[in-house]
Amino acid sequence: MSSRRCLPTLVPAAWVVSAFVAIAQLAPPAPPTLDLAKWEPEIRAFEQADRTSPPAPGGILFTGSSSVRLWTTLRDDFRGLPVLNRGFGGSQIREVTGFADRIVIPYRPRLIVFYCGSNDIVAGRAVPDVVEDLRGFVATVHAKLPKSRVIFIANAPNPARWHLKDAWIDLNARIKAYTGTDPRLTFVDIWPAMLDASGQPRPELFVEDRLHMNAQGYAIWTRVLRPVVEREFKSAGTEVPAPH
């Protein structure tokens, strides 16, 4: 009897490639890597300003993306309240979280007013992921400052990105639901005040790029936000949050 050796079955290379492609298609895409280094000049400028004129702890911190950064009348609009502006970019939520130890936690704010999330959607981030990013920001803050309160400003409508309105509506609804789970969190909806009678963004509220607000737009934000900010700051008490 002749002996026979068992030879391994050869799988065609094309099948192997097809299998890897199928697996790659089923796997969720990895989140894009953030380039925090691009914001370093702005963050360092904040730190230099803090060394030159240290802000008093326990105030009201406004932070987030360009709509906060460009709010040049913030101190006048909230006259009588200890507000500090630390908006930067075009930033995304994860980027603000990435710099929280440098531009949020050191101020030990009793109240944080946060506007961010729109750029995340533009960058292709899915709405549920943006909400998780927001949870991550809150967890980062409350891990060090558990008594700090946070106001979330709804992602605002604007003519330039109106094609994304369905994602914004979904995101705002989810954020509002999330804030209902924690008495330290508050959601402020600025949409109704920024839409006209036909439900479209009011063009007179924006500068030429149709994305960022002019003085009229910020006047609306002030009118809607200030009563909530005053209420929440009072509710925060007089004790300056102590970092854990």
Protein backbone atom coordinates (compact mmCIF):
# COMPACT_ATOMS: atom_id res chain seq x y z
CA MET A 1 0.00 0.00 0.00
CA SER A 2 1.38 3.35 -0.93
CA SER A 3 1.49 5.98 1.74
CA ARG A 4 -0.20 9.29 1.08
CA ARG A 5 0.60 12.53 2.76
CA CYS A 6 -2.23 14.93 3.57
CA LEU A 7 -1.53 18.19 1.78
CA PRO A 8 -2.98 21.48 3.12
CA THR A 9 -5.82 22.86 1.12
CA LEU A 10 -4.75 25.95 -0.74
CA VAL A 11 -7.20 28.82 -0.57
CA PRO A 12 -7.16 31.10 -3.61
CA ALA A 13 -5.66 34.48 -2.81
CA ALA A 14 -8.70 36.28 -4.17
CA TRP A 15 -10.87 34.57 -1.54
CA VAL A 16 -8.58 35.73 1.25
CA VAL A 17 -8.67 39.30 0.00
CA SER A 18 -12.46 39.18 -0.29
CA ALA A 19 -12.75 37.91 3.28
CA PHE A 20 -10.62 40.77 4.65
CA VAL A 21 -12.62 43.31 2.68
CA ALA A 22 -15.88 41.91 4.04
CA ILE A 23 -14.58 42.06 7.62
CA ALA A 24 -13.39 45.63 7.12
CA GLN A 25 -16.80 46.62 5.82
CA LEU A 26 -18.54 45.10 8.84
CA ALA A 27 -16.22 46.68 11.41
CA PRO A 28 -17.17 50.19 12.59
CA PRO A 29 -14.85 52.90 11.30
CA ALA A 30 -12.24 54.11 13.74
CA PRO A 31 -12.84 57.65 15.00
CA PRO A 32 -10.62 60.20 13.26
CA THR A 33 -7.48 61.13 15.13
CA LEU A 34 -7.63 64.60 16.64
CA ASP A 35 -4.80 67.03 16.03
CA LEU A 36 -4.71 68.87 19.34
CA ALA A 37 -1.40 70.48 18.44
CA LYS A 38 -3.09 72.86 16.00
CA TRP A 39 -4.82 74.59 18.92
CA GLU A 40 -1.69 74.97 21.04
CA PRO A 41 -1.11 78.66 20.13
CA GLU A 42 -4.62 79.57 21.35
CA ILE A 43 -4.35 77.48 24.50
CA ARG A 44 -0.93 78.92 25.34
CA ALA A 45 -2.31 82.43 24.81
CA PHE A 46 -4.99 81.66 27.42
CA GLU A 47 -2.34 80.39 29.82
CA GLN A 48 -0.25 83.51 29.30
CA ALA A 49 -3.30 85.69 29.95
CA ASP A 50 -3.93 83.72 33.14
CA ARG A 51 -0.37 84.34 34.33
CA THR A 52 -0.65 88.04 33.56
CA SER A 53 -4.07 88.47 35.15
CA PRO A 54 -5.20 85.38 37.05
CA PRO A 55 -9.00 84.96 36.94
CA ALA A 56 -10.72 84.62 40.28
CA PRO A 57 -11.84 81.04 40.90
CA GLY A 58 -15.48 80.10 41.19
CA GLY A 59 -16.83 82.17 38.30
CA ILE A 60 -18.72 81.45 35.10
CA LEU A 61 -16.70 79.85 32.32
CA PHE A 62 -17.86 80.06 28.71
CA THR A 63 -16.10 77.53 26.51
CA GLY A 64 -16.54 75.65 23.25
CA SER A 65 -16.09 76.47 19.58
CA SER A 66 -15.95 79.62 17.47
CA SER A 67 -19.38 80.96 18.42
CA VAL A 68 -17.99 81.34 21.94
CA ARG A 69 -14.56 82.50 20.78
CA LEU A 70 -16.10 85.29 18.68
CA TRP A 71 -18.38 86.52 21.48
CA THR A 72 -16.35 89.69 21.99
CA THR A 73 -19.11 91.46 23.92
CA LEU A 74 -19.50 88.67 26.47
CA ARG A 75 -18.41 90.72 29.49
CA ASP A 76 -20.69 93.60 28.57
CA ASP A 77 -23.60 91.28 27.79
CA PHE A 78 -23.22 89.61 31.20
CA ARG A 79 -22.21 92.71 33.11
CA GLY A 80 -22.25 92.13 36.85
CA LEU A 81 -21.43 88.43 36.50
CA PRO A 82 -17.89 86.95 36.71
CA VAL A 83 -17.69 85.57 33.16
CA LEU A 84 -14.57 84.25 31.44
CA ASN A 85 -14.33 83.34 27.73
CA ARG A 86 -12.22 80.32 26.82
CA GLY A 87 -13.71 79.37 23.47
CA PHE A 88 -11.26 78.34 20.75
CA GLY A 89 -11.25 77.14 17.19
CA GLY A 90 -13.52 75.68 15.29
CA SER A 91 -13.12 73.11 18.06
CA GLN A 92 -14.90 69.81 18.56
CA ILE A 93 -16.12 68.47 21.91
CA ARG A 94 -13.28 65.97 22.27
CA GLU A 95 -10.79 68.77 21.69
CA VAL A 96 -12.28 70.87 24.48
CA THR A 97 -12.16 67.79 26.70
CA GLY A 98 -8.54 67.26 25.69
CA PHE A 99 -7.64 70.70 27.01
CA ALA A 100 -9.94 70.66 30.05
CA ASP A 101 -7.04 70.30 32.47
CA ARG A 102 -5.63 73.57 31.10
CA ILE A 103 -8.62 75.78 30.27
CA VAL A 104 -11.49 74.45 32.41
CA ILE A 105 -10.40 72.75 35.63
CA PRO A 106 -7.87 75.40 36.77
CA TYR A 107 -10.60 78.07 37.00
CA ARG A 108 -12.74 75.93 39.35
CA PRO A 109 -15.90 77.42 37.82
CA ARG A 110 -19.16 77.16 39.68
CA LEU A 111 -20.88 77.29 36.29
CA ILE A 112 -19.75 76.28 32.79
CA VAL A 113 -21.62 77.49 29.71
CA PHE A 114 -20.77 75.14 26.86
CA TYR A 115 -21.39 75.46 23.12
CA CYS A 116 -19.92 72.78 20.89
CA GLY A 117 -20.94 69.89 18.63
CA SER A 118 -21.73 71.53 15.31
CA ASN A 119 -18.18 71.13 14.00
CA ASP A 120 -18.25 67.50 15.08
CA ILE A 121 -21.22 66.82 12.79
CA VAL A 122 -19.55 68.68 9.92
CA ALA A 123 -16.46 66.51 10.41
CA GLY A 124 -18.58 63.39 9.93
CA ARG A 125 -19.09 62.40 13.56
CA ALA A 126 -22.36 60.48 14.07
CA VAL A 127 -24.94 62.04 16.37
CA PRO A 128 -24.82 59.26 19.02
CA ASP A 129 -21.02 59.58 19.11
CA VAL A 130 -21.26 63.35 19.64
CA VAL A 131 -23.58 62.76 22.59
CA GLU A 132 -21.07 60.28 24.03
CA ASP A 133 -18.35 62.88 23.54
CA LEU A 134 -20.48 65.30 25.53
CA ARG A 135 -20.86 62.74 28.29
CA GLY A 136 -17.09 62.41 28.24
CA PHE A 137 -16.65 66.14 28.69
CA VAL A 138 -19.02 66.16 31.66
CA ALA A 139 -17.32 63.12 33.19
CA THR A 140 -13.93 64.80 32.84
CA VAL A 141 -15.18 67.96 34.55
CA HIS A 142 -17.11 66.23 37.31
CA ALA A 143 -14.23 63.86 38.07
CA LYS A 144 -12.31 66.92 39.28
CA LEU A 145 -15.13 69.37 40.04
CA PRO A 146 -18.21 67.37 41.00
CA LYS A 147 -20.19 70.42 42.16
CA SER A 148 -19.76 72.48 38.98
CA ARG A 149 -22.94 73.05 37.01
CA VAL A 150 -23.03 72.97 33.21
CA ILE A 151 -25.33 74.75 30.76
CA PHE A 152 -25.45 73.36 27.23
CA ILE A 153 -26.46 75.78 24.50
CA ALA A 154 -28.37 74.02 21.72
CA ASN A 155 -26.50 73.72 18.43
CA ALA A 156 -27.69 76.81 16.59
CA PRO A 157 -29.29 76.98 13.16
CA ASN A 158 -27.45 78.92 10.47
CA PRO A 159 -27.97 79.38 6.72
CA ALA A 160 -24.53 78.06 5.71
CA ARG A 161 -25.10 74.60 7.19
CA TRP A 162 -28.86 74.36 7.02
CA HIS A 163 -28.56 71.09 5.06
CA LEU A 164 -27.46 69.53 8.37
CA LYS A 165 -30.55 70.65 10.26
CA ASP A 166 -31.94 67.12 10.75
CA ALA A 167 -28.71 66.03 12.45
CA TRP A 168 -28.76 69.13 14.66
CA ILE A 169 -32.39 68.60 15.62
CA ASP A 170 -31.59 64.99 16.55
CA LEU A 171 -28.47 66.04 18.46
CA ASN A 172 -30.27 68.76 20.39
CA ALA A 173 -33.07 66.39 21.34
CA ARG A 174 -30.59 63.84 22.64
CA ILE A 175 -28.62 66.45 24.58
CA LYS A 176 -31.81 67.78 26.13
CA ALA A 177 -32.77 64.25 27.21
CA TYR A 178 -29.30 63.69 28.64
CA THR A 179 -29.36 66.89 30.70
CA GLY A 180 -32.60 65.67 32.27
CA THR A 181 -30.66 62.86 33.95
CA ASP A 182 -28.56 65.11 36.21
CA PRO A 183 -29.69 68.19 38.18
CA ARG A 184 -26.27 69.79 37.61
CA LEU A 185 -26.95 69.96 33.85
CA THR A 186 -29.19 72.41 31.96
CA PHE A 187 -30.14 72.67 28.29
CA VAL A 188 -30.95 76.02 26.67
CA ASP A 189 -32.78 75.92 23.35
CA ILE A 190 -31.98 78.99 21.25
CA TRP A 191 -33.54 77.60 18.03
CA PRO A 192 -36.99 79.24 18.19
CA ALA A 193 -35.52 82.73 18.62
CA MET A 194 -33.21 82.28 15.62
CA LEU A 195 -35.81 81.10 13.09
CA ASP A 196 -38.23 83.20 11.06
CA ALA A 197 -41.96 82.61 10.64
CA SER A 198 -41.32 80.02 7.91
CA GLY A 199 -38.93 78.03 10.12
CA GLN A 200 -35.76 79.14 8.34
CA PRO A 201 -32.65 80.69 9.97
CA ARG A 202 -32.93 84.46 10.10
CA PRO A 203 -30.21 85.74 7.71
CA GLU A 204 -29.98 89.13 9.42
CA LEU A 205 -28.43 87.42 12.47
CA PHE A 206 -25.26 86.38 10.63
CA VAL A 207 -22.14 87.90 9.15
CA GLU A 208 -21.20 87.49 5.51
CA ASP A 209 -20.16 83.83 5.85
CA ARG A 210 -23.76 83.00 6.90
CA LEU A 211 -22.28 80.78 9.61
CA HIS A 212 -21.13 83.02 12.45
CA MET A 213 -23.36 85.51 14.23
CA ASN A 214 -23.28 89.28 14.19
CA ALA A 215 -24.27 91.58 17.04
CA GLN A 216 -27.98 90.88 16.48
CA GLY A 217 -27.38 87.16 16.85
CA TYR A 218 -25.43 87.56 20.07
CA ALA A 219 -28.10 89.89 21.40
CA ILE A 220 -30.59 87.03 21.01
CA TRP A 221 -28.27 84.60 22.75
CA THR A 222 -27.84 87.07 25.60
CA ARG A 223 -31.58 87.59 25.96
CA VAL A 224 -32.29 83.85 26.06
CA LEU A 225 -29.25 82.80 28.08
CA ARG A 226 -28.80 85.47 30.72
CA PRO A 227 -31.81 84.58 32.89
CA VAL A 228 -30.74 80.92 32.89
CA VAL A 229 -27.13 81.78 33.66
CA GLU A 230 -28.19 84.00 36.57
CA ARG A 231 -30.48 81.29 37.94
CA GLU A 232 -27.93 78.48 37.65
CA PHE A 233 -25.11 80.58 39.07
CA LYS A 234 -27.26 81.41 42.08
CA SER A 235 -28.18 77.73 42.44
CA ALA A 236 -24.48 76.84 42.42
CA GLY A 237 -24.10 78.59 45.78
CA THR A 238 -21.18 80.65 46.96
CA GLU A 239 -18.69 77.84 47.61
CA VAL A 240 -15.85 77.68 45.11
CA PRO A 241 -15.58 74.10 43.79
CA ALA A 242 -12.58 72.32 45.26
CA PRO A 243 -10.72 70.07 42.83
CA HIS A 244 -10.72 66.36 43.76
